[in-house]
């Protein structure tokens, strides 16, 4: 008589996955030479109430991470956010970052580019190249990545309003390098919801933006499967003054809205959901941030499976990039910012981030100097190479404090989700766009998100002014011997030269071809046809970003936010 089959325990399932995974050839012992296990957990899972909500790394609900190996399999990508001046200057900074051990690039754009305007636009005066790199056409993207093979480097681009035309220019630059477009890998931010909620860099009404995003999702799903067309961003929500729970809930709600958008387009959730990534802030409350990241993975996995019907681990897995909190940096005693950034980076790593950017100590004053950028990069490398945190998957899993915080943040997020759905009519009156999307659009229209974030920011500022919350060097421990920093300044000559180069490009191109491509793009905008091919054609003939966006502004109109305060 054969013995009945018994279900493998969670530890046994983990062991099976770990045995099949690739592990880096590295020393996984303590500084003193003590060997450590790749994961820790209870021998008897039944003795831990609710252990199924914690689980093991690499299995649903992914509270403890997406991979059985943790960082033993692959460390996080060091991705430094950089961009200033013109494309040539930024290209030199990128080569420095890659040469010093950076694993990926993240492009910062100047304000005119973020608003879909050319450098010679009167509204761009005084802003060209100052908060990021100026990009006017595909020729600038050629220079930006000159000598950097796009097929071999993952590239993140932090831009939302004009994200799609900038992406088309990126594809054209890759074509000109001879890259196989279908093998490109990287991330485009594209998240227009968070622009209306927090950052305020939009072009059109929400519906045209969502149409472009849907076209992009379709295009990438069919033609560039490894490229992530959406990075749903909580970073800017947190930087605007939200709490950790608000950042968590608003970001995931936005993600659910994009899932509903993809499904409304007829896309298979198991196919397109892996192309959604996330971007979170890592602030100074060390354990709260770690719990936030763990709760995010768990919530996403459960909603994708139970609400949206995703069946695969990849579709249920929340992958995220983290940036340390720019809003935590202070102009007073700026060297304290190195410590703040290190603590925030460590929280992101212990929370299981997939990639990480560390802010420079001088970013509260100006764009990072080369010296400050190197310190920020070395901060990640010290954490990765010297601290031993990569040796064990989710080393804080099972901590009473961390697990309680994770549960509490999850519960607060669920309450906020319910409120957002109620804003849209409970179950979502407009089922064509989905219940969460309906609630988000109504919350934007009514100013609900703005009001909630403003209240949270007011409460925090009040606590600072009363002295209940402390910031070293600002409202406590203020004496200092630190002198003024030498900061990086972008010369006005950058703007003058950029405008001059742009004028020359416009004079030397086939103007009739440009106008025909723009007209064709507008004609496609009036149909249900995917707009990416027509926009690519416009980028190929050197139509500028401003020309592309202006043509669509003329067709769709501009969005103007109603005053709420």
Protein backbone atom coordinates (compact mmCIF):
# COMPACT_ATOMS: atom_id res chain seq x y z
CA UNK A 1 0.00 0.00 0.00
CA UNK A 2 1.49 3.32 -1.08
CA UNK A 3 1.81 6.20 1.37
CA UNK A 4 -0.43 9.21 0.58
CA UNK A 5 1.37 12.13 -1.05
CA UNK A 6 1.99 15.06 1.29
CA UNK A 7 2.13 18.66 0.19
CA UNK A 8 5.65 20.12 0.33
CA UNK A 9 6.23 22.70 3.00
CA UNK A 10 7.01 26.30 2.09
CA UNK A 11 10.65 25.74 2.97
CA UNK A 12 10.75 22.69 0.70
CA UNK A 13 9.19 24.69 -2.14
CA UNK A 14 11.76 27.43 -1.57
CA UNK A 15 14.62 24.90 -1.61
CA UNK A 16 13.40 23.54 -4.94
CA UNK A 17 13.29 27.00 -6.52
CA UNK A 18 16.64 27.98 -5.05
CA UNK A 19 18.30 24.83 -6.39
CA UNK A 20 17.15 25.66 -9.92
CA UNK A 21 18.22 29.32 -9.77
CA UNK A 22 21.52 30.87 -10.75
CA UNK A 23 23.56 32.14 -7.79
CA UNK A 24 26.39 34.63 -8.12
CA UNK A 25 29.94 33.43 -7.50
CA UNK A 26 30.55 35.46 -4.35
CA UNK A 27 31.44 35.17 -0.68
CA UNK A 28 28.20 34.93 1.31
CA UNK A 29 29.70 34.92 4.80
CA UNK A 30 29.87 37.54 7.53
CA UNK A 31 32.84 39.84 7.96
CA UNK A 32 34.14 37.41 10.58
CA UNK A 33 33.85 34.46 8.21
CA UNK A 34 30.63 32.98 9.59
CA UNK A 35 28.63 31.16 6.90
CA UNK A 36 25.01 32.32 6.63
CA UNK A 37 21.99 30.64 5.12
CA UNK A 38 20.41 32.18 2.00
CA UNK A 39 17.06 32.55 3.81
CA UNK A 40 15.68 32.20 7.31
CA UNK A 41 12.19 31.22 8.45
CA UNK A 42 10.27 28.97 10.83
CA UNK A 43 10.75 25.22 10.77
CA UNK A 44 7.07 24.82 11.61
CA UNK A 45 5.06 27.33 9.59
CA UNK A 46 1.82 26.35 11.33
CA UNK A 47 3.27 27.75 14.56
CA UNK A 48 3.30 31.27 13.06
CA UNK A 49 -0.25 32.65 12.70
CA UNK A 50 -0.81 34.19 9.30
CA UNK A 51 2.50 32.95 7.93
CA UNK A 52 0.93 32.56 4.48
CA UNK A 53 0.88 36.38 4.29
CA UNK A 54 4.64 36.43 4.90
CA UNK A 55 5.68 33.30 3.03
CA UNK A 56 9.02 32.60 1.42
CA UNK A 57 10.99 34.61 -1.13
CA UNK A 58 9.97 33.90 -4.70
CA UNK A 59 6.41 32.76 -4.09
CA UNK A 60 2.98 34.37 -3.85
CA UNK A 61 2.28 36.87 -2.32
CA UNK A 62 5.94 37.91 -2.73
CA UNK A 63 6.02 39.79 0.57
CA UNK A 64 9.61 38.61 1.03
CA UNK A 65 10.75 39.31 -2.52
CA UNK A 66 10.30 38.16 -6.08
CA UNK A 67 13.19 35.68 -6.23
CA UNK A 68 14.13 32.69 -4.09
CA UNK A 69 17.77 33.78 -4.22
CA UNK A 70 17.22 37.38 -3.14
CA UNK A 71 20.32 39.38 -4.07
CA UNK A 72 22.41 36.21 -4.13
CA UNK A 73 21.08 35.64 -7.61
CA UNK A 74 21.39 39.20 -8.86
CA UNK A 75 22.06 42.40 -6.98
CA UNK A 76 19.92 45.46 -7.62
CA UNK A 77 20.80 47.64 -10.61
CA UNK A 78 22.72 50.78 -9.68
CA UNK A 79 20.92 53.33 -11.81
CA UNK A 80 22.03 56.94 -11.34
CA UNK A 81 19.59 59.65 -12.43
CA UNK A 82 21.48 62.23 -14.45
CA UNK A 83 21.02 64.91 -17.05
CA UNK A 84 22.05 68.54 -17.42
CA UNK A 85 22.94 71.08 -20.04
CA UNK A 86 23.02 69.70 -23.55
CA UNK A 87 23.17 66.13 -24.81
CA UNK A 88 26.96 66.16 -25.19
CA UNK A 89 27.55 67.22 -21.57
CA UNK A 90 25.16 64.58 -20.28
CA UNK A 91 26.72 61.92 -22.50
CA UNK A 92 30.06 62.60 -20.79
CA UNK A 93 28.43 62.20 -17.34
CA UNK A 94 26.84 58.91 -18.43
CA UNK A 95 30.17 57.54 -19.52
CA UNK A 96 31.60 58.53 -16.12
CA UNK A 97 28.77 56.73 -14.30
CA UNK A 98 29.13 53.57 -16.39
CA UNK A 99 32.91 53.70 -16.07
CA UNK A 100 32.64 53.87 -12.28
CA UNK A 101 30.40 50.81 -12.00
CA UNK A 102 26.89 52.08 -12.71
CA UNK A 103 24.68 49.36 -14.13
CA UNK A 104 22.07 51.41 -15.96
CA UNK A 105 21.19 54.93 -17.01
CA UNK A 106 18.29 57.11 -15.93
CA UNK A 107 17.67 60.24 -17.96
CA UNK A 108 16.69 63.53 -16.30
CA UNK A 109 15.14 66.04 -18.72
CA UNK A 110 14.99 69.82 -18.43
CA UNK A 111 11.68 71.58 -17.82
CA UNK A 112 11.00 72.59 -21.45
CA UNK A 113 11.41 68.96 -22.53
CA UNK A 114 9.17 67.75 -19.69
CA UNK A 115 6.50 70.18 -20.90
CA UNK A 116 6.84 69.22 -24.58
CA UNK A 117 8.43 72.49 -25.67
CA UNK A 118 11.48 73.18 -27.81
CA UNK A 119 14.48 75.12 -26.54
CA UNK A 120 13.63 78.07 -28.81
CA UNK A 121 10.06 78.36 -27.45
CA UNK A 122 9.62 81.72 -25.65
CA UNK A 123 8.27 79.79 -22.62
CA UNK A 124 11.59 77.91 -22.40
CA UNK A 125 13.64 81.04 -21.79
CA UNK A 126 16.01 80.62 -18.86
CA UNK A 127 15.16 76.94 -18.29
CA UNK A 128 17.09 75.14 -21.03
CA UNK A 129 19.41 72.51 -19.57
CA UNK A 130 18.93 73.61 -15.96
CA UNK A 131 17.07 70.76 -14.26
CA UNK A 132 18.03 68.09 -16.78
CA UNK A 133 19.16 67.60 -20.35
CA UNK A 134 17.60 69.52 -23.25
CA UNK A 135 16.15 67.26 -25.96
CA UNK A 136 14.62 68.85 -29.04
CA UNK A 137 14.75 66.08 -31.64
CA UNK A 138 16.06 62.60 -32.39
CA UNK A 139 19.43 64.15 -33.28
CA UNK A 140 19.85 65.17 -29.63
CA UNK A 141 19.12 61.59 -28.55
CA UNK A 142 21.81 60.41 -31.00
CA UNK A 143 24.33 62.61 -29.16
CA UNK A 144 22.97 61.70 -25.73
CA UNK A 145 23.78 58.02 -26.26
CA UNK A 146 26.78 58.36 -28.56
CA UNK A 147 29.22 55.53 -27.79
CA UNK A 148 26.67 53.85 -25.48
CA UNK A 149 25.12 50.82 -27.23
CA UNK A 150 21.42 51.01 -26.42
CA UNK A 151 20.91 47.31 -27.11
CA UNK A 152 23.31 46.48 -24.26
CA UNK A 153 22.33 49.08 -21.62
CA UNK A 154 19.02 49.36 -19.80
CA UNK A 155 17.82 52.93 -20.00
CA UNK A 156 15.18 54.59 -17.86
CA UNK A 157 13.63 57.87 -18.96
CA UNK A 158 11.86 59.98 -16.35
CA UNK A 159 9.26 61.82 -18.38
CA UNK A 160 5.48 61.51 -18.58
CA UNK A 161 3.58 64.22 -20.49
CA UNK A 162 5.60 63.97 -23.73
CA UNK A 163 6.91 60.48 -22.93
CA UNK A 164 5.64 58.85 -26.12
CA UNK A 165 7.29 61.22 -28.63
CA UNK A 166 10.54 61.13 -26.62
CA UNK A 167 10.36 57.33 -26.68
CA UNK A 168 9.96 57.45 -30.46
CA UNK A 169 13.12 59.58 -30.67
CA UNK A 170 14.90 57.01 -28.49
CA UNK A 171 13.83 54.24 -30.89
CA UNK A 172 15.08 56.26 -33.86
CA UNK A 173 18.45 56.77 -32.15
CA UNK A 174 18.63 53.01 -31.51
CA UNK A 175 17.82 52.33 -35.17
CA UNK A 176 20.62 54.65 -36.23
CA UNK A 177 23.01 52.69 -33.98
CA UNK A 178 21.97 49.52 -35.79
CA UNK A 179 20.30 48.04 -32.71
CA UNK A 180 17.66 45.32 -32.91
CA UNK A 181 14.69 47.34 -31.67
CA UNK A 182 12.89 44.22 -30.53
CA UNK A 183 15.69 43.51 -28.02
CA UNK A 184 15.77 46.90 -26.29
CA UNK A 185 15.30 46.87 -22.54
CA UNK A 186 14.52 49.76 -20.25
CA UNK A 187 11.73 51.75 -18.70
CA UNK A 188 9.72 54.79 -19.72
CA UNK A 189 7.89 56.59 -16.94
CA UNK A 190 4.76 57.64 -18.91
CA UNK A 191 2.65 57.79 -15.72
CA UNK A 192 0.22 60.63 -16.41
CA UNK A 193 -1.99 59.95 -13.38
CA UNK A 194 0.72 61.06 -10.96
CA UNK A 195 1.20 64.24 -12.98
CA UNK A 196 -2.38 65.30 -12.32
CA UNK A 197 -2.12 64.12 -8.71
CA UNK A 198 1.25 65.60 -7.75
CA UNK A 199 3.90 66.72 -10.23
CA UNK A 200 1.77 68.85 -12.61
CA UNK A 201 3.67 68.23 -15.87
CA UNK A 202 0.89 67.35 -18.30
CA UNK A 203 0.00 68.41 -21.84
CA UNK A 204 -3.60 67.40 -22.57
CA UNK A 205 -6.80 66.33 -20.87
CA UNK A 206 -6.52 62.87 -19.25
CA UNK A 207 -8.31 60.97 -22.04
CA UNK A 208 -5.85 61.81 -24.89
CA UNK A 209 -2.95 60.97 -22.59
CA UNK A 210 -4.53 57.61 -21.78
CA UNK A 211 -5.06 56.97 -25.49
CA UNK A 212 -1.31 57.50 -26.12
CA UNK A 213 -0.40 55.29 -23.18
CA UNK A 214 -2.69 52.52 -24.46
CA UNK A 215 -1.07 52.76 -27.90
CA UNK A 216 2.37 52.52 -26.29
CA UNK A 217 1.39 49.50 -24.21
CA UNK A 218 0.10 47.72 -27.31
CA UNK A 219 3.19 48.58 -29.34
CA UNK A 220 5.66 47.41 -26.70
CA UNK A 221 3.70 44.24 -25.94
CA UNK A 222 3.81 43.27 -29.62
CA UNK A 223 7.18 44.62 -30.80
CA UNK A 224 9.50 45.26 -27.81
CA UNK A 225 8.53 42.64 -25.22
CA UNK A 226 11.32 43.34 -22.72
CA UNK A 227 10.77 47.09 -22.65
CA UNK A 228 8.62 48.45 -19.81
CA UNK A 229 6.40 51.21 -21.21
CA UNK A 230 5.11 52.37 -17.83
CA UNK A 231 6.81 53.11 -14.53
CA UNK A 232 3.99 53.89 -12.13
CA UNK A 233 5.43 56.56 -9.89
CA UNK A 234 4.82 57.12 -6.21
CA UNK A 235 8.04 59.08 -5.86
CA UNK A 236 6.56 62.41 -6.87
CA UNK A 237 3.46 61.80 -4.76
CA UNK A 238 5.65 61.35 -1.68
CA UNK A 239 7.84 64.32 -2.58
CA UNK A 240 4.67 66.44 -2.77
CA UNK A 241 4.03 65.72 0.92
CA UNK A 242 2.02 62.49 1.14
CA UNK A 243 2.33 59.93 3.91
CA UNK A 244 3.85 56.51 3.26
CA UNK A 245 0.37 54.95 3.19
CA UNK A 246 -0.87 57.54 0.68
CA UNK A 247 2.16 56.99 -1.53
CA UNK A 248 1.57 53.25 -1.41
CA UNK A 249 -2.17 53.44 -2.09
CA UNK A 250 -2.22 56.18 -4.75
CA UNK A 251 0.62 54.52 -6.64
CA UNK A 252 -0.93 51.06 -6.67
CA UNK A 253 -4.34 52.52 -7.52
CA UNK A 254 -2.74 54.22 -10.53
CA UNK A 255 -1.21 50.87 -11.44
CA UNK A 256 -4.61 49.20 -11.25
CA UNK A 257 -5.93 51.96 -13.52
CA UNK A 258 -3.31 51.11 -16.13
CA UNK A 259 -4.17 47.41 -15.81
CA UNK A 260 -7.78 48.34 -16.57
CA UNK A 261 -6.58 50.41 -19.53
CA UNK A 262 -4.66 47.47 -20.97
CA UNK A 263 -7.55 45.09 -20.48
CA UNK A 264 -9.93 47.57 -22.11
CA UNK A 265 -7.58 47.46 -25.12
CA UNK A 266 -8.06 43.70 -25.29
CA UNK A 267 -4.54 42.93 -24.07
CA UNK A 268 -3.95 39.77 -22.07
CA UNK A 269 -3.11 40.73 -18.48
CA UNK A 270 -0.53 37.96 -18.22
CA UNK A 271 1.21 39.39 -21.27
CA UNK A 272 1.22 43.13 -20.56
CA UNK A 273 1.27 43.32 -16.75
CA UNK A 274 4.94 42.24 -16.55
CA UNK A 275 5.71 45.40 -18.57
CA UNK A 276 4.44 47.59 -15.73
CA UNK A 277 7.08 48.64 -13.24
CA UNK A 278 6.95 50.96 -10.24
CA UNK A 279 8.99 53.83 -8.85
CA UNK A 280 8.95 54.56 -5.12
CA UNK A 281 10.48 57.08 -2.77
CA UNK A 282 12.65 55.83 0.09
CA UNK A 283 12.25 58.26 2.97
CA UNK A 284 13.91 58.46 6.38
CA UNK A 285 11.63 56.37 8.59
CA UNK A 286 13.72 53.26 8.11
CA UNK A 287 11.31 50.50 9.11
CA UNK A 288 8.21 52.19 7.69
CA UNK A 289 9.85 52.34 4.27
CA UNK A 290 10.88 48.68 4.38
CA UNK A 291 7.33 47.72 5.35
CA UNK A 292 5.92 49.89 2.55
CA UNK A 293 7.90 48.02 -0.10
CA UNK A 294 6.91 44.63 1.30
CA UNK A 295 3.22 45.64 1.48
CA UNK A 296 3.36 46.91 -2.11
CA UNK A 297 4.44 43.51 -3.44
CA UNK A 298 1.78 41.70 -1.45
CA UNK A 299 -1.08 44.00 -2.42
CA UNK A 300 -0.15 43.98 -6.11
CA UNK A 301 0.11 40.18 -6.23
CA UNK A 302 -3.25 39.70 -4.57
CA UNK A 303 -5.12 42.27 -6.66
CA UNK A 304 -3.63 41.07 -9.94
CA UNK A 305 -4.61 37.49 -9.15
CA UNK A 306 -7.97 37.97 -7.43
CA UNK A 307 -9.34 41.11 -9.10
CA UNK A 308 -7.79 41.13 -12.57
CA UNK A 309 -7.34 37.40 -13.12
CA UNK A 310 -3.58 37.23 -13.70
CA UNK A 311 -2.36 33.66 -13.54
CA UNK A 312 1.42 33.90 -13.89
CA UNK A 313 4.02 34.84 -11.30
CA UNK A 314 5.45 37.44 -13.68
CA UNK A 315 2.14 39.23 -14.00
CA UNK A 316 1.61 39.15 -10.23
CA UNK A 317 5.13 40.38 -9.45
CA UNK A 318 5.66 44.03 -8.59
CA UNK A 319 9.07 45.21 -9.78
CA UNK A 320 10.20 48.59 -8.59
CA UNK A 321 12.91 51.21 -8.81
CA UNK A 322 13.66 53.36 -5.79
CA UNK A 323 15.12 56.82 -5.40
CA UNK A 324 16.19 58.20 -2.07
CA UNK A 325 14.06 61.09 -0.84
CA UNK A 326 15.03 64.37 -2.44
CA UNK A 327 12.66 66.18 -0.09
CA UNK A 328 14.66 64.91 2.91
CA UNK A 329 17.81 66.73 1.79
CA UNK A 330 18.64 70.01 3.48
CA UNK A 331 20.54 73.09 2.38
CA UNK A 332 21.71 73.51 5.97
CA UNK A 333 24.69 71.29 6.84
CA UNK A 334 24.53 69.57 3.42
CA UNK A 335 27.05 66.86 4.34
CA UNK A 336 24.36 65.39 6.60
CA UNK A 337 22.64 64.46 3.34
CA UNK A 338 25.22 61.74 2.75
CA UNK A 339 24.05 60.02 5.94
CA UNK A 340 20.38 60.50 5.09
CA UNK A 341 20.87 59.03 1.63
CA UNK A 342 22.76 56.03 2.98
CA UNK A 343 19.97 55.22 5.47
CA UNK A 344 17.30 55.60 2.78
CA UNK A 345 19.26 53.46 0.33
CA UNK A 346 19.70 50.72 2.94
CA UNK A 347 15.94 50.75 3.58
CA UNK A 348 15.29 50.33 -0.15
CA UNK A 349 17.70 47.39 -0.32
CA UNK A 350 16.27 45.68 2.74
CA UNK A 351 12.84 46.23 1.20
CA UNK A 352 13.94 44.35 -1.93
CA UNK A 353 14.27 47.08 -4.56
CA UNK A 354 15.14 45.97 -8.08
CA UNK A 355 17.08 49.11 -8.93
CA UNK A 356 18.18 52.17 -7.00
CA UNK A 357 19.24 55.78 -7.44
CA UNK A 358 20.98 57.58 -4.59
CA UNK A 359 20.69 61.36 -4.41
CA UNK A 360 23.76 63.56 -4.20
CA UNK A 361 24.49 65.70 -1.16
CA UNK A 362 24.19 68.97 -3.10
CA UNK A 363 20.93 68.30 -4.97
CA UNK A 364 18.92 70.56 -2.70
CA UNK A 365 21.06 73.44 -4.02
CA UNK A 366 21.75 72.55 -7.65
CA UNK A 367 22.31 69.72 -10.07
CA UNK A 368 24.89 67.29 -8.67
CA UNK A 369 28.55 68.08 -9.09
CA UNK A 370 30.72 65.25 -10.40
CA UNK A 371 32.26 64.77 -6.95
CA UNK A 372 28.83 64.58 -5.27
CA UNK A 373 27.56 62.18 -7.94
CA UNK A 374 30.53 59.88 -7.28
CA UNK A 375 29.82 59.86 -3.51
CA UNK A 376 26.18 58.96 -4.24
CA UNK A 377 27.31 56.11 -6.48
CA UNK A 378 29.85 54.87 -3.94
CA UNK A 379 27.12 54.86 -1.27
CA UNK A 380 25.33 52.09 -3.15
CA UNK A 381 28.56 50.22 -3.78
CA UNK A 382 29.52 50.26 -0.09
CA UNK A 383 26.08 48.85 0.80
CA UNK A 384 26.40 46.22 -1.91
CA UNK A 385 30.01 45.15 -1.33
CA UNK A 386 30.72 45.74 2.36
CA UNK A 387 27.63 45.41 4.55
CA UNK A 388 26.58 41.80 3.97
CA UNK A 389 22.94 42.72 3.34
CA UNK A 390 23.03 40.88 0.00
CA UNK A 391 23.78 37.55 1.67
CA UNK A 392 20.27 36.73 2.90
CA UNK A 393 16.91 37.12 1.18
CA UNK A 394 14.57 39.42 3.18
CA UNK A 395 16.69 39.40 6.36
CA UNK A 396 13.98 41.31 8.31
CA UNK A 397 11.18 38.90 7.41
CA UNK A 398 9.45 37.66 10.55
CA UNK A 399 10.39 40.71 12.61
CA UNK A 400 7.38 41.46 14.81
CA UNK A 401 7.77 45.18 14.18
CA UNK A 402 8.31 44.95 10.43
CA UNK A 403 5.46 42.49 9.92
CA UNK A 404 3.08 44.62 12.02
CA UNK A 405 4.00 47.73 10.02
CA UNK A 406 3.56 45.83 6.77
CA UNK A 407 0.07 44.68 7.83
CA UNK A 408 -0.91 48.17 8.97
CA UNK A 409 0.22 49.87 5.75
CA UNK A 410 -1.63 47.24 3.73
CA UNK A 411 -4.83 47.85 5.72
CA UNK A 412 -4.56 51.64 5.31
CA UNK A 413 -3.99 51.22 1.59
CA UNK A 414 -7.08 49.04 1.26
CA UNK A 415 -9.17 51.72 2.98
CA UNK A 416 -7.90 54.29 0.47
CA UNK A 417 -8.65 51.98 -2.47
CA UNK A 418 -12.25 51.71 -1.26
CA UNK A 419 -12.52 55.50 -1.09
CA UNK A 420 -11.14 55.93 -4.61
CA UNK A 421 -13.62 53.41 -6.01
CA UNK A 422 -16.43 55.24 -4.23
CA UNK A 423 -15.32 58.47 -5.91
CA UNK A 424 -15.96 56.77 -9.23
CA UNK A 425 -19.39 55.52 -8.27
CA UNK A 426 -18.68 52.48 -6.15
CA UNK A 427 -18.37 49.74 -8.75
CA UNK A 428 -17.39 52.19 -11.50
CA UNK A 429 -20.31 53.57 -13.48
CA UNK A 430 -18.23 53.76 -16.64
CA UNK A 431 -17.34 50.10 -17.03
CA UNK A 432 -15.57 50.87 -20.31
CA UNK A 433 -12.66 52.30 -18.34
CA UNK A 434 -12.90 50.30 -15.12
CA UNK A 435 -13.87 51.11 -11.54
CA UNK A 436 -10.44 52.19 -10.28
CA UNK A 437 -9.81 54.35 -13.34
CA UNK A 438 -13.20 56.02 -12.87
CA UNK A 439 -12.34 56.86 -9.29
CA UNK A 440 -8.90 58.21 -10.16
CA UNK A 441 -10.30 60.49 -12.87
CA UNK A 442 -13.01 61.79 -10.53
CA UNK A 443 -10.44 62.31 -7.76
CA UNK A 444 -8.29 64.34 -10.15
CA UNK A 445 -11.25 66.37 -11.40
CA UNK A 446 -12.52 67.13 -7.88
CA UNK A 447 -9.07 67.91 -6.45
CA UNK A 448 -9.42 65.11 -3.89
CA UNK A 449 -5.86 63.81 -4.26
CA UNK A 450 -4.41 67.31 -4.04
CA UNK A 451 -6.39 68.10 -0.90
CA UNK A 452 -5.40 64.85 0.83
CA UNK A 453 -1.70 65.36 0.10
CA UNK A 454 -1.88 69.02 1.12
CA UNK A 455 -3.39 68.06 4.47
CA UNK A 456 -0.66 65.47 5.10
CA UNK A 457 2.05 68.00 4.20
CA UNK A 458 0.47 70.59 6.50
CA UNK A 459 0.40 68.15 9.42
CA UNK A 460 4.08 67.31 8.93
CA UNK A 461 5.10 70.96 8.62
CA UNK A 462 3.18 71.79 11.79
CA UNK A 463 5.02 69.00 13.64
CA UNK A 464 8.35 70.41 12.44
CA UNK A 465 7.51 73.92 13.56
CA UNK A 466 6.41 72.68 16.99
CA UNK A 467 9.61 70.66 17.28
CA UNK A 468 7.75 67.35 17.52
CA UNK A 469 9.64 66.15 14.45
CA UNK A 470 13.37 66.79 14.21
CA UNK A 471 15.64 67.58 11.29
CA UNK A 472 19.29 67.74 12.28
CA UNK A 473 20.83 71.04 11.27
CA UNK A 474 17.42 72.65 10.69
CA UNK A 475 15.42 72.63 13.94
CA UNK A 476 17.96 70.90 16.19
CA UNK A 477 21.75 70.59 16.43
CA UNK A 478 22.15 73.70 14.31
CA UNK A 479 25.73 74.89 15.14
CA UNK A 480 28.08 73.87 12.34
CA UNK A 481 31.60 74.39 11.01
CA UNK A 482 30.53 73.51 7.45
CA UNK A 483 31.22 76.22 4.90
CA UNK A 484 29.37 76.79 1.66
CA UNK A 485 29.57 74.13 -1.03
CA UNK A 486 30.87 74.76 -4.49
CA UNK A 487 27.88 73.86 -6.59
CA UNK A 488 27.47 73.10 -10.26
CA UNK A 489 25.95 75.87 -12.36
CA UNK A 490 24.69 75.52 -15.94
CA UNK A 491 25.86 78.42 -18.06
CA UNK A 492 23.37 80.48 -20.07
CA UNK A 493 25.64 79.70 -23.01
CA UNK A 494 24.12 76.20 -23.03
CA UNK A 495 20.74 77.67 -23.96
CA UNK A 496 22.24 79.97 -26.57
CA UNK A 497 24.13 77.10 -28.20
CA UNK A 498 21.17 74.70 -28.02
CA UNK A 499 18.91 77.22 -29.76
CA UNK A 500 21.58 77.85 -32.40
CA UNK A 501 22.02 74.13 -33.11
CA UNK A 502 18.24 73.65 -33.27
CA UNK A 503 17.92 76.50 -35.77
CA UNK A 504 20.56 74.87 -37.96
CA UNK A 505 18.81 71.50 -37.86
CA UNK A 506 15.48 73.03 -38.82
CA UNK A 507 17.11 74.87 -41.73
CA UNK A 508 18.82 71.74 -43.02
CA UNK A 509 15.96 69.25 -42.94
CA UNK A 510 13.23 68.44 -45.46
CA UNK A 511 10.52 70.79 -44.20
CA UNK A 512 7.87 69.41 -46.54
CA UNK A 513 8.59 65.91 -45.23
CA UNK A 514 8.28 67.14 -41.66
CA UNK A 515 4.93 68.81 -42.29
CA UNK A 516 3.61 65.74 -44.09
CA UNK A 517 4.66 63.49 -41.20
CA UNK A 518 3.03 65.79 -38.64
CA UNK A 519 -0.18 65.93 -40.68
CA UNK A 520 -0.23 62.16 -40.98
CA UNK A 521 0.21 61.85 -37.20
CA UNK A 522 -2.78 64.16 -36.60
CA UNK A 523 -4.89 62.17 -39.06
CA UNK A 524 -4.09 58.99 -37.16
CA UNK A 525 -5.01 60.74 -33.90
CA UNK A 526 -8.54 61.13 -35.29
CA UNK A 527 -8.89 57.36 -35.73
CA UNK A 528 -8.48 54.28 -33.53
CA UNK A 529 -5.20 53.40 -35.28
CA UNK A 530 -2.10 53.03 -33.13
CA UNK A 531 -0.20 56.32 -33.18
CA UNK A 532 3.32 54.99 -32.51
CA UNK A 533 4.27 54.21 -36.16
CA UNK A 534 3.17 57.66 -37.37
CA UNK A 535 5.00 59.37 -34.51
CA UNK A 536 8.11 57.32 -35.28
CA UNK A 537 7.99 58.57 -38.86
CA UNK A 538 7.82 62.16 -37.59
CA UNK A 539 10.85 61.57 -35.37
CA UNK A 540 12.79 60.00 -38.24
CA UNK A 541 12.50 63.17 -40.34
CA UNK A 542 13.63 65.31 -37.35
CA UNK A 543 10.29 66.78 -36.37
CA UNK A 544 10.98 68.40 -33.03
CA UNK A 545 9.39 67.55 -29.73
CA UNK A 546 7.67 70.93 -29.65
CA UNK A 547 6.28 70.48 -33.17
CA UNK A 548 4.89 67.04 -32.37
CA UNK A 549 3.34 68.18 -29.09
CA UNK A 550 2.01 71.44 -30.56
CA UNK A 551 0.30 69.53 -33.38
CA UNK A 552 -1.45 67.37 -30.79
CA UNK A 553 -2.25 70.36 -28.56
CA UNK A 554 -3.98 71.96 -31.55
CA UNK A 555 -5.97 68.76 -32.08
CA UNK A 556 -6.74 67.81 -28.48
CA UNK A 557 -6.45 71.06 -26.54
CA UNK A 558 -4.51 71.69 -23.34
CA UNK A 559 -5.47 70.72 -19.81
CA UNK A 560 -5.80 73.51 -17.27
CA UNK A 561 -6.22 72.57 -13.65
CA UNK A 562 -8.97 74.32 -11.72
CA UNK A 563 -7.87 76.30 -8.68
CA UNK A 564 -8.77 74.52 -5.43
CA UNK A 565 -7.30 76.71 -2.67
